[in-house]
């Protein structure tokens, strides 16, 4: 799989986590179900945590997929939450 980048900017509202999860599922539809589900879960939880901190600025989700892992971060212009999800190559 070639490197694949994704960036999403969200308004910090109660529906932001759901919008992020839906965008991840759609954008990364070609990734195996397990890693895609893990990615959607991690991003949704981090966005939800950010919304609960009540930031006054947008929340940014950045994702980079390469051959061995999905790496990214969720930032609310004050806190940065990085994550990494391994891609299972034994398929």
Protein backbone atom coordinates (compact mmCIF):
# COMPACT_ATOMS: atom_id res chain seq x y z
CA UNK A 1 0.00 0.00 0.00
CA UNK A 2 1.37 3.43 -0.89
CA UNK A 3 1.54 6.16 1.73
CA UNK A 4 -1.89 7.69 2.25
CA UNK A 5 -2.52 10.91 4.13
CA UNK A 6 -5.73 12.28 5.62
CA UNK A 7 -6.54 15.48 7.49
CA UNK A 8 -9.89 16.47 8.96
CA UNK A 9 -10.77 19.68 10.80
CA UNK A 10 -13.79 19.53 13.10
CA UNK A 11 -15.85 22.04 15.02
CA UNK A 12 -15.73 20.98 18.71
CA UNK A 13 -19.39 19.99 19.06
CA UNK A 14 -21.10 16.91 20.51
CA UNK A 15 -21.35 15.32 17.04
CA UNK A 16 -17.66 15.76 16.19
CA UNK A 17 -16.61 12.23 17.24
CA UNK A 18 -19.30 10.62 15.09
CA UNK A 19 -18.36 12.78 12.10
CA UNK A 20 -14.70 11.79 12.56
CA UNK A 21 -15.54 8.07 12.76
CA UNK A 22 -17.72 8.24 9.63
CA UNK A 23 -15.02 10.11 7.70
CA UNK A 24 -12.35 7.55 8.74
CA UNK A 25 -14.55 4.61 7.72
CA UNK A 26 -15.25 6.15 4.33
CA UNK A 27 -11.74 7.39 3.57
CA UNK A 28 -10.00 4.16 4.58
CA UNK A 29 -12.52 1.68 3.17
CA UNK A 30 -9.73 -0.29 1.46
CA UNK A 31 -7.91 -1.08 4.72
CA UNK A 32 -8.73 -4.42 6.37
CA UNK A 33 -11.69 -4.31 8.77
CA UNK A 34 -9.67 -4.85 11.97
CA UNK A 35 -7.19 -1.99 11.59
CA UNK A 36 -9.88 0.31 10.14
CA UNK A 37 -12.16 -0.42 13.09
CA UNK A 38 -9.27 0.20 15.52
CA UNK A 39 -8.47 3.48 13.76
CA UNK A 40 -12.08 4.65 13.87
CA UNK A 41 -12.34 3.72 17.56
CA UNK A 42 -9.12 5.49 18.57
CA UNK A 43 -9.94 8.63 16.58
CA UNK A 44 -13.52 8.72 17.90
CA UNK A 45 -12.36 8.38 21.52
CA UNK A 46 -9.66 11.04 21.15
CA UNK A 47 -12.04 13.50 19.47
CA UNK A 48 -14.67 12.86 22.14
CA UNK A 49 -12.08 13.48 24.89
CA UNK A 50 -11.07 16.69 23.17
CA UNK A 51 -14.68 17.90 22.95
CA UNK A 52 -15.10 17.19 26.67
CA UNK A 53 -12.14 19.51 27.39
CA UNK A 54 -14.22 22.22 25.68
CA UNK A 55 -11.66 23.69 23.32
CA UNK A 56 -12.61 26.95 21.69
CA UNK A 57 -10.70 26.17 18.51
CA UNK A 58 -11.14 23.47 15.86
CA UNK A 59 -10.03 19.88 16.42
CA UNK A 60 -7.64 18.52 13.80
CA UNK A 61 -7.29 14.82 12.96
CA UNK A 62 -4.22 13.83 10.92
CA UNK A 63 -3.59 10.28 9.69
CA UNK A 64 -0.75 8.72 7.68
CA UNK A 65 -0.97 5.13 6.45
CA UNK A 66 2.17 3.40 5.26
CA UNK A 67 3.23 -0.20 4.78
CA UNK A 68 3.45 -1.22 8.42
CA UNK A 69 1.27 1.10 10.51
CA UNK A 70 -1.33 3.81 10.72
CA UNK A 71 0.06 6.83 12.55
CA UNK A 72 -1.66 10.03 13.43
CA UNK A 73 -2.70 12.59 15.96
CA UNK A 74 -5.70 14.45 17.25
CA UNK A 75 -5.07 18.05 18.27
CA UNK A 76 -7.39 20.63 19.77
CA UNK A 77 -4.87 23.48 19.52
CA UNK A 78 -3.82 22.89 23.11
CA UNK A 79 -3.39 19.16 23.58
CA UNK A 80 -1.85 16.76 21.08
CA UNK A 81 -2.73 13.06 21.24
CA UNK A 82 -0.61 10.88 18.94
CA UNK A 83 -1.51 7.27 18.10
CA UNK A 84 -0.14 4.30 16.16
CA UNK A 85 -2.00 1.21 14.96
CA UNK A 86 -0.02 -1.67 13.43
CA UNK A 87 -1.21 -3.09 10.12
CA UNK A 88 -1.42 -6.87 10.09
CA UNK A 89 0.49 -8.08 7.03
CA UNK A 90 -0.36 -11.75 7.59
CA UNK A 91 -3.49 -11.85 5.48
